[in-house]
Protein backbone atom coordinates (compact mmCIF):
# COMPACT_ATOMS: atom_id res chain seq x y z
CA MET A 1 0.00 0.00 0.00
CA PRO A 2 1.57 3.33 -1.01
CA GLN A 3 2.42 5.99 1.53
CA LEU A 4 0.36 9.19 1.53
CA ASP A 5 2.48 12.10 0.34
CA THR A 6 1.92 15.03 2.72
CA SER A 7 4.85 17.16 1.62
CA THR A 8 2.71 19.64 -0.32
CA TRP A 9 -0.06 19.99 2.27
CA PHE A 10 1.53 22.94 4.01
CA THR A 11 1.85 24.87 0.75
CA VAL A 12 -1.70 24.07 -0.30
CA ILE A 13 -3.19 25.01 3.07
CA MET A 14 -1.20 28.24 3.34
CA SER A 15 -2.10 29.32 -0.18
CA MET A 16 -5.75 28.56 0.55
CA VAL A 17 -5.69 30.63 3.74
CA ILE A 18 -4.02 33.55 1.99
CA SER A 19 -6.42 33.45 -0.93
CA LEU A 20 -9.43 33.29 1.39
CA PHE A 21 -8.07 36.21 3.38
CA MET A 22 -7.63 38.25 0.19
CA LEU A 23 -11.09 37.30 -1.03
CA PHE A 24 -12.74 38.38 2.20
CA GLN A 25 -10.75 41.62 2.24
CA LEU A 26 -11.99 42.41 -1.25
CA LYS A 27 -15.56 41.54 -0.33
CA ILE A 28 -15.49 43.69 2.79
CA SER A 29 -13.79 46.64 1.10
CA SER A 30 -16.47 46.77 -1.59
CA HIS A 31 -19.14 47.61 1.00
CA SER A 32 -19.77 51.20 1.91
CA PHE A 33 -20.51 51.72 5.56
CA TYR A 34 -22.24 54.71 7.07
CA SER A 35 -20.12 57.14 8.99
CA ASP A 36 -20.49 57.39 12.75
CA PRO A 37 -23.64 59.25 13.71
CA LYS A 38 -23.10 62.44 15.64
CA THR A 39 -24.38 62.42 19.17
CA MET A 40 -27.50 64.47 19.49
CA HIS A 41 -28.62 65.97 22.75
CA LEU A 42 -32.31 65.35 22.92
CA LYS A 43 -34.43 67.34 25.29
CA THR A 44 -36.16 65.08 27.75
CA THR A 45 -39.56 66.31 28.79
CA LYS A 46 -41.04 65.13 32.03
CA HIS A 47 -44.60 63.99 31.54
CA SER A 48 -46.94 64.25 34.46
CA LEU A 49 -48.57 60.88 34.86
CA PRO A 50 -51.38 60.36 37.36
CA TRP A 51 -49.87 57.19 38.83
CA GLU A 52 -46.58 58.85 39.69
CA ASN A 53 -48.00 60.81 42.61
CA LYS A 54 -49.86 58.05 44.39
CA TRP A 55 -48.82 54.71 45.71
CA THR A 56 -50.46 51.70 44.12
CA LYS A 57 -50.48 48.18 45.43
CA THR A 58 -50.96 45.06 43.37
CA TYR A 59 -52.90 42.40 45.19
CA LEU A 60 -52.27 38.77 44.58
CA PRO A 61 -55.40 36.63 44.29
CA LEU A 62 -54.36 34.55 47.29
CA SER A 63 -53.76 37.57 49.49
CA LEU A 64 -57.31 38.88 49.16
CA PRO A 65 -59.45 38.61 52.33
CA LEU A 66 -61.64 35.57 52.60
CA HIS A 67 -65.38 36.05 52.12
């Protein structure tokens, strides 16, 4: 049974990795990305909500008084 020749594997694998790297670089460089958005200072308005001023309690069904 003949021996498997692995002497060229390193060259084949390295050339494949380099070619894939170049291919992905070309693919990525063809895309145009948006520039960074400028930070905008938005005015926050405080809305007066009726439930902010009073305390509300949520009752569980089991904690209700027995009838």
